[in-house]
Amino acid sequence: MTRRASTGVPGLLWLPAVLGLALVVLPVVGLIARTDLADFPALITSPSAVSALWLSLRTAIASTVLCLLLGGPLAVVLARGRFRGVRLARAIVLLPLVLPPVVGGLALLYLLGRNGFAGRYLDTAFGWRIPYSTAAVVIAQTFVAMPFLVVALEGALRSAGERYEAMAATLGASPWTVFRRVTVPLALPALGSGLVLCFARALGEFGATITFAGSLEGVTRTLPLEVYTLGESDVDGAVALSLLLVIVAVVVIAVARPHAVERSRW
């Protein structure tokens, strides 16, 4: 009788895995324990909380669309492009992943602020003042979130290889047709997963936003900034909004990400 090969998880991995899960779950449990559940509905439906949540959702959606329009082509170029300096370009694109968000906010401020070389031109030529506006929130969120899409999409394209695209090209398909009919379908599962991560990262963005856009109620004060503001005067409100932010992020990831993973299996 042939013995069936075991592909289970090695026993030595269970303890660190459980500890890693606990490191993520227990702080959320502590947040739930600290929340006054009786007052929770009233705390999360205050005018300032609703305004901050609505602004967060709108800006996170807008920044996710920007990540798709800019980060998608960038990932394809990095994965399929043949040019000198591609490794350097990849390192620069991934820089926001390792930079403190406050540093990213300062960089944006000195680029697009009134004294920045680009901001001075935009102000003089078009009268556009981007810092401390809703547009600044979207730009800051895009800056910190786009690398997540680039990493996911470029990795998927490199893993898929170029054989299908090369086959389509040998059959006479133009580069645009190859991209539209072959590359995009190959990248769709990773694209969906990356966009979910982008949205979740944009929704929780704090450091770059407060540095570049400030904290103006109804204009730039997103939900994380509202939590920070309430933390100085209303701890119960800050805790309730923190829990709300956790719930929204979990719902987004739990609902959207499994569909992307499921598509990748087919």
C-alpha atoms as a PDB file:
ATOM      1  CA  MET A   1       0.000   0.000   0.000  1.00  0.00           C
ATOM      2  CA  THR A   2       1.434   3.325  -1.060  1.00  0.00           C
ATOM      3  CA  ARG A   3       1.763   5.873   1.721  1.00  0.00           C
ATOM      4  CA  ARG A   4       0.163   9.179   0.910  1.00  0.00           C
ATOM      5  CA  ALA A   5       2.582  12.103   0.980  1.00  0.00           C
ATOM      6  CA  SER A   6       1.817  14.695   3.642  1.00  0.00           C
ATOM      7  CA  THR A   7       1.678  18.350   2.608  1.00  0.00           C
ATOM      8  CA  GLY A   8       0.467  19.748   5.933  1.00  0.00           C
ATOM      9  CA  VAL A   9       1.999  22.597   7.908  1.00  0.00           C
ATOM     10  CA  PRO A  10       5.114  21.615   9.917  1.00  0.00           C
ATOM     11  CA  GLY A  11       4.387  21.572  13.642  1.00  0.00           C
ATOM     12  CA  LEU A  12       7.242  23.962  14.438  1.00  0.00           C
ATOM     13  CA  LEU A  13       5.491  26.720  12.496  1.00  0.00           C
ATOM     14  CA  TRP A  14       2.284  26.718  14.534  1.00  0.00           C
ATOM     15  CA  LEU A  15       3.622  28.503  17.628  1.00  0.00           C
ATOM     16  CA  PRO A  16       5.176  31.508  15.837  1.00  0.00           C
ATOM     17  CA  ALA A  17       2.143  31.631  13.550  1.00  0.00           C
ATOM     18  CA  VAL A  18      -0.240  31.841  16.512  1.00  0.00           C
ATOM     19  CA  LEU A  19       1.947  34.468  18.170  1.00  0.00           C
ATOM     20  CA  GLY A  20       1.981  36.495  14.951  1.00  0.00           C
ATOM     21  CA  LEU A  21      -1.803  36.294  14.714  1.00  0.00           C
ATOM     22  CA  ALA A  22      -2.128  37.311  18.359  1.00  0.00           C
ATOM     23  CA  LEU A  23       0.081  40.330  17.737  1.00  0.00           C
ATOM     24  CA  VAL A  24      -2.491  41.573  15.221  1.00  0.00           C
ATOM     25  CA  VAL A  25      -5.714  40.416  16.868  1.00  0.00           C
ATOM     26  CA  LEU A  26      -5.131  41.271  20.534  1.00  0.00           C
ATOM     27  CA  PRO A  27      -4.717  45.038  20.044  1.00  0.00           C
ATOM     28  CA  VAL A  28      -8.045  45.068  18.180  1.00  0.00           C
ATOM     29  CA  VAL A  29      -9.607  43.080  21.052  1.00  0.00           C
ATOM     30  CA  GLY A  30      -8.245  45.688  23.453  1.00  0.00           C
ATOM     31  CA  LEU A  31      -9.829  48.408  21.329  1.00  0.00           C
ATOM     32  CA  ILE A  32     -13.184  46.621  21.444  1.00  0.00           C
ATOM     33  CA  ALA A  33     -12.892  46.143  25.222  1.00  0.00           C
ATOM     34  CA  ARG A  34     -12.219  49.863  25.681  1.00  0.00           C
ATOM     35  CA  THR A  35     -15.153  50.934  23.505  1.00  0.00           C
ATOM     36  CA  ASP A  36     -18.410  51.912  25.190  1.00  0.00           C
ATOM     37  CA  LEU A  37     -20.721  49.830  23.009  1.00  0.00           C
ATOM     38  CA  ALA A  38     -23.828  51.547  24.383  1.00  0.00           C
ATOM     39  CA  ASP A  39     -22.625  54.936  23.122  1.00  0.00           C
ATOM     40  CA  PHE A  40     -20.924  53.566  20.010  1.00  0.00           C
ATOM     41  CA  PRO A  41     -23.727  54.445  17.533  1.00  0.00           C
ATOM     42  CA  ALA A  42     -23.950  58.017  18.819  1.00  0.00           C
ATOM     43  CA  LEU A  43     -20.182  58.498  18.767  1.00  0.00           C
ATOM     44  CA  ILE A  44     -19.734  57.345  15.157  1.00  0.00           C
ATOM     45  CA  THR A  45     -22.731  59.305  13.836  1.00  0.00           C
ATOM     46  CA  SER A  46     -21.715  62.715  15.119  1.00  0.00           C
ATOM     47  CA  PRO A  47     -21.536  65.366  12.364  1.00  0.00           C
ATOM     48  CA  SER A  48     -17.723  65.543  12.474  1.00  0.00           C
ATOM     49  CA  ALA A  49     -17.372  61.740  12.380  1.00  0.00           C
ATOM     50  CA  VAL A  50     -19.755  61.359   9.433  1.00  0.00           C
ATOM     51  CA  SER A  51     -17.990  64.172   7.566  1.00  0.00           C
ATOM     52  CA  ALA A  52     -14.582  62.581   8.182  1.00  0.00           C
ATOM     53  CA  LEU A  53     -15.780  59.122   7.115  1.00  0.00           C
ATOM     54  CA  TRP A  54     -17.394  60.435   3.941  1.00  0.00           C
ATOM     55  CA  LEU A  55     -14.260  62.419   3.066  1.00  0.00           C
ATOM     56  CA  SER A  56     -12.079  59.358   3.718  1.00  0.00           C
ATOM     57  CA  LEU A  57     -14.169  57.171   1.433  1.00  0.00           C
ATOM     58  CA  ARG A  58     -14.253  59.743  -1.379  1.00  0.00           C
ATOM     59  CA  THR A  59     -10.542  60.484  -1.277  1.00  0.00           C
ATOM     60  CA  ALA A  60      -9.599  56.804  -0.915  1.00  0.00           C
ATOM     61  CA  ILE A  61     -11.675  55.943  -3.999  1.00  0.00           C
ATOM     62  CA  ALA A  62     -10.139  58.828  -5.961  1.00  0.00           C
ATOM     63  CA  SER A  63      -6.594  57.879  -4.959  1.00  0.00           C
ATOM     64  CA  THR A  64      -7.258  54.222  -5.837  1.00  0.00           C
ATOM     65  CA  VAL A  65      -8.367  55.291  -9.319  1.00  0.00           C
ATOM     66  CA  LEU A  66      -5.177  57.360  -9.642  1.00  0.00           C
ATOM     67  CA  CYS A  67      -3.127  54.355  -8.519  1.00  0.00           C
ATOM     68  CA  LEU A  68      -4.759  52.320 -11.290  1.00  0.00           C
ATOM     69  CA  LEU A  69      -4.210  54.956 -13.976  1.00  0.00           C
ATOM     70  CA  LEU A  70      -0.603  55.682 -13.004  1.00  0.00           C
ATOM     71  CA  GLY A  71       0.630  52.608 -11.144  1.00  0.00           C
ATOM     72  CA  GLY A  72      -0.783  50.060 -13.598  1.00  0.00           C
ATOM     73  CA  PRO A  73       1.185  51.296 -16.622  1.00  0.00           C
ATOM     74  CA  LEU A  74       4.221  51.850 -14.387  1.00  0.00           C
ATOM     75  CA  ALA A  75       4.152  48.231 -13.217  1.00  0.00           C
ATOM     76  CA  VAL A  76       3.914  46.986 -16.819  1.00  0.00           C
ATOM     77  CA  VAL A  77       6.873  49.156 -17.863  1.00  0.00           C
ATOM     78  CA  LEU A  78       8.971  47.896 -14.936  1.00  0.00           C
ATOM     79  CA  ALA A  79       8.043  44.266 -15.626  1.00  0.00           C
ATOM     80  CA  ARG A  80       8.328  44.290 -19.411  1.00  0.00           C
ATOM     81  CA  GLY A  81      10.525  47.277 -20.191  1.00  0.00           C
ATOM     82  CA  ARG A  82      14.076  46.861 -21.450  1.00  0.00           C
ATOM     83  CA  PHE A  83      16.034  49.958 -20.538  1.00  0.00           C
ATOM     84  CA  ARG A  84      19.005  50.954 -18.465  1.00  0.00           C
ATOM     85  CA  GLY A  85      18.244  51.969 -14.934  1.00  0.00           C
ATOM     86  CA  VAL A  86      15.179  49.757 -14.496  1.00  0.00           C
ATOM     87  CA  ARG A  87      16.426  48.582 -11.111  1.00  0.00           C
ATOM     88  CA  LEU A  88      16.995  52.142  -9.975  1.00  0.00           C
ATOM     89  CA  ALA A  89      13.547  53.131 -11.224  1.00  0.00           C
ATOM     90  CA  ARG A  90      12.001  50.223  -9.316  1.00  0.00           C
ATOM     91  CA  ALA A  91      13.800  51.238  -6.123  1.00  0.00           C
ATOM     92  CA  ILE A  92      12.577  54.827  -6.440  1.00  0.00           C
ATOM     93  CA  VAL A  93       8.994  53.727  -7.088  1.00  0.00           C
ATOM     94  CA  LEU A  94       9.041  51.552  -3.964  1.00  0.00           C
ATOM     95  CA  LEU A  95      10.591  54.301  -1.831  1.00  0.00           C
ATOM     96  CA  PRO A  96       7.261  55.326  -0.194  1.00  0.00           C
ATOM     97  CA  LEU A  97       7.046  51.830   1.299  1.00  0.00           C
ATOM     98  CA  VAL A  98      10.078  52.491   3.498  1.00  0.00           C
ATOM     99  CA  LEU A  99       9.898  56.251   3.936  1.00  0.00           C
ATOM    100  CA  PRO A 100       8.121  57.574   7.040  1.00  0.00           C
ATOM    101  CA  PRO A 101       4.832  59.060   5.780  1.00  0.00           C
ATOM    102  CA  VAL A 102       5.706  62.412   7.363  1.00  0.00           C
ATOM    103  CA  VAL A 103       8.802  62.571   5.166  1.00  0.00           C
ATOM    104  CA  GLY A 104       6.634  61.882   2.132  1.00  0.00           C
ATOM    105  CA  GLY A 105       4.309  64.696   3.183  1.00  0.00           C
ATOM    106  CA  LEU A 106       7.224  67.103   3.531  1.00  0.00           C
ATOM    107  CA  ALA A 107       8.544  66.079   0.110  1.00  0.00           C
ATOM    108  CA  LEU A 108       5.143  66.776  -1.451  1.00  0.00           C
ATOM    109  CA  LEU A 109       4.900  70.076   0.395  1.00  0.00           C
ATOM    110  CA  TYR A 110       8.272  71.273  -0.896  1.00  0.00           C
ATOM    111  CA  LEU A 111       7.357  70.137  -4.396  1.00  0.00           C
ATOM    112  CA  LEU A 112       3.803  71.450  -4.687  1.00  0.00           C
ATOM    113  CA  GLY A 113       3.744  74.095  -1.942  1.00  0.00           C
ATOM    114  CA  ARG A 114       3.848  77.813  -2.725  1.00  0.00           C
ATOM    115  CA  ASN A 115       7.636  77.798  -2.301  1.00  0.00           C
ATOM    116  CA  GLY A 116       8.143  74.527  -4.199  1.00  0.00           C
ATOM    117  CA  PHE A 117       9.452  74.684  -7.763  1.00  0.00           C
ATOM    118  CA  ALA A 118       6.326  73.009  -9.171  1.00  0.00           C
ATOM    119  CA  GLY A 119       3.896  74.657  -6.763  1.00  0.00           C
ATOM    120  CA  ARG A 120       5.245  78.129  -7.559  1.00  0.00           C
ATOM    121  CA  TYR A 121       4.652  77.562 -11.256  1.00  0.00           C
ATOM    122  CA  LEU A 122       1.146  76.174 -10.741  1.00  0.00           C
ATOM    123  CA  ASP A 123       0.241  79.135  -8.556  1.00  0.00           C
ATOM    124  CA  THR A 124       1.636  81.701 -10.986  1.00  0.00           C
ATOM    125  CA  ALA A 125       0.372  80.147 -14.211  1.00  0.00           C
ATOM    126  CA  PHE A 126      -3.000  78.728 -13.153  1.00  0.00           C
ATOM    127  CA  GLY A 127      -3.701  80.033  -9.663  1.00  0.00           C
ATOM    128  CA  TRP A 128      -3.694  76.472  -8.283  1.00  0.00           C
ATOM    129  CA  ARG A 129      -2.775  76.085  -4.626  1.00  0.00           C
ATOM    130  CA  ILE A 130      -2.768  72.385  -3.881  1.00  0.00           C
ATOM    131  CA  PRO A 131      -1.576  72.106  -0.232  1.00  0.00           C
ATOM    132  CA  TYR A 132      -4.270  72.109   2.458  1.00  0.00           C
ATOM    133  CA  SER A 133      -6.976  71.116  -0.015  1.00  0.00           C
ATOM    134  CA  THR A 134      -8.919  67.936  -0.720  1.00  0.00           C
ATOM    135  CA  ALA A 135      -6.752  67.430  -3.810  1.00  0.00           C
ATOM    136  CA  ALA A 136      -3.724  67.380  -1.504  1.00  0.00           C
ATOM    137  CA  VAL A 137      -5.318  64.531   0.470  1.00  0.00           C
ATOM    138  CA  VAL A 138      -5.784  62.501  -2.725  1.00  0.00           C
ATOM    139  CA  ILE A 139      -2.198  63.147  -3.845  1.00  0.00           C
ATOM    140  CA  ALA A 140      -0.777  62.190  -0.437  1.00  0.00           C
ATOM    141  CA  GLN A 141      -2.823  58.994  -0.349  1.00  0.00           C
ATOM    142  CA  THR A 142      -1.779  58.102  -3.897  1.00  0.00           C
ATOM    143  CA  PHE A 143       1.876  58.696  -3.027  1.00  0.00           C
ATOM    144  CA  VAL A 144       1.841  56.185  -0.158  1.00  0.00           C
ATOM    145  CA  ALA A 145      -0.572  53.644  -1.711  1.00  0.00           C
ATOM    146  CA  MET A 146       0.608  53.287  -5.314  1.00  0.00           C
ATOM    147  CA  PRO A 147       3.677  51.124  -4.510  1.00  0.00           C
ATOM    148  CA  PHE A 148       1.337  48.403  -3.203  1.00  0.00           C
ATOM    149  CA  LEU A 149      -0.251  48.105  -6.636  1.00  0.00           C
ATOM    150  CA  VAL A 150       3.093  48.256  -8.435  1.00  0.00           C
ATOM    151  CA  VAL A 151       4.567  45.481  -6.267  1.00  0.00           C
ATOM    152  CA  ALA A 152       1.547  43.195  -6.712  1.00  0.00           C
ATOM    153  CA  LEU A 153       1.173  43.778 -10.437  1.00  0.00           C
ATOM    154  CA  GLU A 154       4.834  43.673 -11.393  1.00  0.00           C
ATOM    155  CA  GLY A 155       5.363  40.481  -9.394  1.00  0.00           C
ATOM    156  CA  ALA A 156       2.420  38.803 -11.115  1.00  0.00           C
ATOM    157  CA  LEU A 157       3.611  39.798 -14.587  1.00  0.00           C
ATOM    158  CA  ARG A 158       7.123  38.552 -13.914  1.00  0.00           C
ATOM    159  CA  SER A 159       5.798  35.248 -12.564  1.00  0.00           C
ATOM    160  CA  ALA A 160       3.547  34.779 -15.610  1.00  0.00           C
ATOM    161  CA  GLY A 161       6.484  35.226 -17.965  1.00  0.00           C
ATOM    162  CA  GLU A 162       6.296  36.525 -21.524  1.00  0.00           C
ATOM    163  CA  ARG A 163       5.592  33.354 -23.497  1.00  0.00           C
ATOM    164  CA  TYR A 164       1.925  34.143 -24.176  1.00  0.00           C
ATOM    165  CA  GLU A 165       2.712  37.698 -25.212  1.00  0.00           C
ATOM    166  CA  ALA A 166       5.551  36.486 -27.443  1.00  0.00           C
ATOM    167  CA  MET A 167       3.235  33.948 -29.057  1.00  0.00           C
ATOM    168  CA  ALA A 168       0.632  36.645 -29.751  1.00  0.00           C
ATOM    169  CA  ALA A 169       3.314  38.891 -31.236  1.00  0.00           C
ATOM    170  CA  THR A 170       4.545  36.137 -33.565  1.00  0.00           C
ATOM    171  CA  LEU A 171       0.967  35.785 -34.823  1.00  0.00           C
ATOM    172  CA  GLY A 172       1.057  39.407 -35.935  1.00  0.00           C
ATOM    173  CA  ALA A 173      -0.622  41.174 -33.001  1.00  0.00           C
ATOM    174  CA  SER A 174       0.469  44.752 -32.409  1.00  0.00           C
ATOM    175  CA  PRO A 175       1.992  45.746 -29.024  1.00  0.00           C
ATOM    176  CA  TRP A 176      -1.265  47.440 -28.009  1.00  0.00           C
ATOM    177  CA  THR A 177      -3.315  44.368 -28.983  1.00  0.00           C
ATOM    178  CA  VAL A 178      -0.936  42.124 -27.048  1.00  0.00           C
ATOM    179  CA  PHE A 179      -1.271  44.367 -24.016  1.00  0.00           C
ATOM    180  CA  ARG A 180      -5.065  44.559 -24.236  1.00  0.00           C
ATOM    181  CA  ARG A 181      -5.806  40.933 -25.110  1.00  0.00           C
ATOM    182  CA  VAL A 182      -3.013  39.082 -23.280  1.00  0.00           C
ATOM    183  CA  THR A 183      -1.217  41.177 -20.649  1.00  0.00           C
ATOM    184  CA  VAL A 184      -4.310  42.671 -19.023  1.00  0.00           C
ATOM    185  CA  PRO A 185      -6.137  39.320 -18.570  1.00  0.00           C
ATOM    186  CA  LEU A 186      -2.966  37.813 -17.073  1.00  0.00           C
ATOM    187  CA  ALA A 187      -2.705  40.690 -14.604  1.00  0.00           C
ATOM    188  CA  LEU A 188      -6.366  40.963 -13.579  1.00  0.00           C
ATOM    189  CA  PRO A 189      -6.205  38.840 -10.380  1.00  0.00           C
ATOM    190  CA  ALA A 190      -3.129  40.689  -9.098  1.00  0.00           C
ATOM    191  CA  LEU A 191      -4.666  43.980 -10.191  1.00  0.00           C
ATOM    192  CA  GLY A 192      -7.775  43.356  -8.109  1.00  0.00           C
ATOM    193  CA  SER A 193      -5.756  42.359  -5.076  1.00  0.00           C
ATOM    194  CA  GLY A 194      -3.435  45.344  -5.448  1.00  0.00           C
ATOM    195  CA  LEU A 195      -6.322  47.802  -5.751  1.00  0.00           C
ATOM    196  CA  VAL A 196      -7.858  46.476  -2.541  1.00  0.00           C
ATOM    197  CA  LEU A 197      -4.552  47.036  -0.747  1.00  0.00           C
ATOM    198  CA  CYS A 198      -4.293  50.523  -2.248  1.00  0.00           C
ATOM    199  CA  PHE A 199      -7.768  51.458  -1.031  1.00  0.00           C
ATOM    200  CA  ALA A 200      -7.125  50.101   2.459  1.00  0.00           C
ATOM    201  CA  ARG A 201      -3.778  51.912   2.683  1.00  0.00           C
ATOM    202  CA  ALA A 202      -5.289  55.183   1.463  1.00  0.00           C
ATOM    203  CA  LEU A 203      -8.141  54.876   3.930  1.00  0.00           C
ATOM    204  CA  GLY A 204      -5.727  54.635   6.854  1.00  0.00           C
ATOM    205  CA  GLU A 205      -3.217  57.237   5.691  1.00  0.00           C
ATOM    206  CA  PHE A 206      -2.254  59.805   8.344  1.00  0.00           C
ATOM    207  CA  GLY A 207       1.316  61.120   8.304  1.00  0.00           C
ATOM    208  CA  ALA A 208       1.626  62.382   4.732  1.00  0.00           C
ATOM    209  CA  THR A 209      -1.924  63.751   4.825  1.00  0.00           C
ATOM    210  CA  ILE A 210      -1.555  65.858   7.956  1.00  0.00           C
ATOM    211  CA  THR A 211       1.804  67.200   6.768  1.00  0.00           C
ATOM    212  CA  PHE A 212       0.798  68.061   3.212  1.00  0.00           C
ATOM    213  CA  ALA A 213      -2.946  68.710   3.565  1.00  0.00           C
ATOM    214  CA  GLY A 214      -3.409  69.721   7.179  1.00  0.00           C
ATOM    215  CA  SER A 215      -6.504  68.956   9.236  1.00  0.00           C
ATOM    216  CA  LEU A 216      -9.359  71.160   8.068  1.00  0.00           C
ATOM    217  CA  GLU A 217     -12.791  69.817   8.973  1.00  0.00           C
ATOM    218  CA  GLY A 218     -14.817  68.912   5.908  1.00  0.00           C
ATOM    219  CA  VAL A 219     -11.875  69.640   3.593  1.00  0.00           C
ATOM    220  CA  THR A 220      -8.855  67.560   4.605  1.00  0.00           C
ATOM    221  CA  ARG A 221      -9.748  65.971   7.949  1.00  0.00           C
ATOM    222  CA  THR A 222     -10.103  62.309   7.080  1.00  0.00           C
ATOM    223  CA  LEU A 223     -11.107  59.664   9.602  1.00  0.00           C
ATOM    224  CA  PRO A 224      -7.540  58.982  10.876  1.00  0.00           C
ATOM    225  CA  LEU A 225      -7.050  62.706  11.395  1.00  0.00           C
ATOM    226  CA  GLU A 226     -10.390  62.935  13.190  1.00  0.00           C
ATOM    227  CA  VAL A 227      -9.246  60.142  15.505  1.00  0.00           C
ATOM    228  CA  TYR A 228      -6.050  62.080  16.236  1.00  0.00           C
ATOM    229  CA  THR A 229      -7.990  65.295  16.903  1.00  0.00           C
ATOM    230  CA  LEU A 230     -10.486  63.619  19.220  1.00  0.00           C
ATOM    231  CA  GLY A 231      -7.680  61.835  21.046  1.00  0.00           C
ATOM    232  CA  GLU A 232      -6.719  65.149  22.621  1.00  0.00           C
ATOM    233  CA  SER A 233     -10.200  65.995  23.911  1.00  0.00           C
ATOM    234  CA  ASP A 234     -12.605  63.029  23.655  1.00  0.00           C
ATOM    235  CA  VAL A 235     -10.944  59.672  24.209  1.00  0.00           C
ATOM    236  CA  ASP A 236     -14.216  57.739  23.953  1.00  0.00           C
ATOM    237  CA  GLY A 237     -14.935  59.312  20.570  1.00  0.00           C
ATOM    238  CA  ALA A 238     -11.398  58.586  19.354  1.00  0.00           C
ATOM    239  CA  VAL A 239     -11.653  54.934  20.408  1.00  0.00           C
ATOM    240  CA  ALA A 240     -15.067  54.539  18.754  1.00  0.00           C
ATOM    241  CA  LEU A 241     -13.842  56.027  15.473  1.00  0.00           C
ATOM    242  CA  SER A 242     -10.725  53.863  15.625  1.00  0.00           C
ATOM    243  CA  LEU A 243     -12.939  50.803  15.886  1.00  0.00           C
ATOM    244  CA  LEU A 244     -15.057  52.094  13.010  1.00  0.00           C
ATOM    245  CA  LEU A 245     -11.932  52.464  10.880  1.00  0.00           C
ATOM    246  CA  VAL A 246     -10.922  48.894  11.731  1.00  0.00           C
ATOM    247  CA  ILE A 247     -14.388  47.612  10.795  1.00  0.00           C
ATOM    248  CA  VAL A 248     -14.419  49.433   7.456  1.00  0.00           C
ATOM    249  CA  ALA A 249     -10.916  48.196   6.571  1.00  0.00           C
ATOM    250  CA  VAL A 250     -11.744  44.592   7.524  1.00  0.00           C
ATOM    251  CA  VAL A 251     -14.961  44.675   5.502  1.00  0.00           C
ATOM    252  CA  VAL A 252     -13.164  46.043   2.445  1.00  0.00           C
ATOM    253  CA  ILE A 253     -10.394  43.440   2.605  1.00  0.00           C
ATOM    254  CA  ALA A 254     -12.674  40.533   3.534  1.00  0.00           C
ATOM    255  CA  VAL A 255     -15.216  41.263   0.796  1.00  0.00           C
ATOM    256  CA  ALA A 256     -12.968  42.320  -2.086  1.00  0.00           C
ATOM    257  CA  ARG A 257      -9.703  40.429  -1.637  1.00  0.00           C
ATOM    258  CA  PRO A 258     -11.104  36.846  -1.630  1.00  0.00           C
ATOM    259  CA  HIS A 259     -12.691  37.467  -5.039  1.00  0.00           C
ATOM    260  CA  ALA A 260      -9.324  38.548  -6.439  1.00  0.00           C
ATOM    261  CA  VAL A 261      -7.607  35.505  -4.923  1.00  0.00           C
ATOM    262  CA  GLU A 262     -10.324  33.206  -6.242  1.00  0.00           C
ATOM    263  CA  ARG A 263      -9.931  34.594  -9.764  1.00  0.00           C
ATOM    264  CA  SER A 264      -6.182  33.958  -9.561  1.00  0.00           C
ATOM    265  CA  ARG A 265      -6.834  30.226  -9.042  1.00  0.00           C
ATOM    266  CA  TRP A 266      -8.621  29.935 -12.337  1.00  0.00           C
END
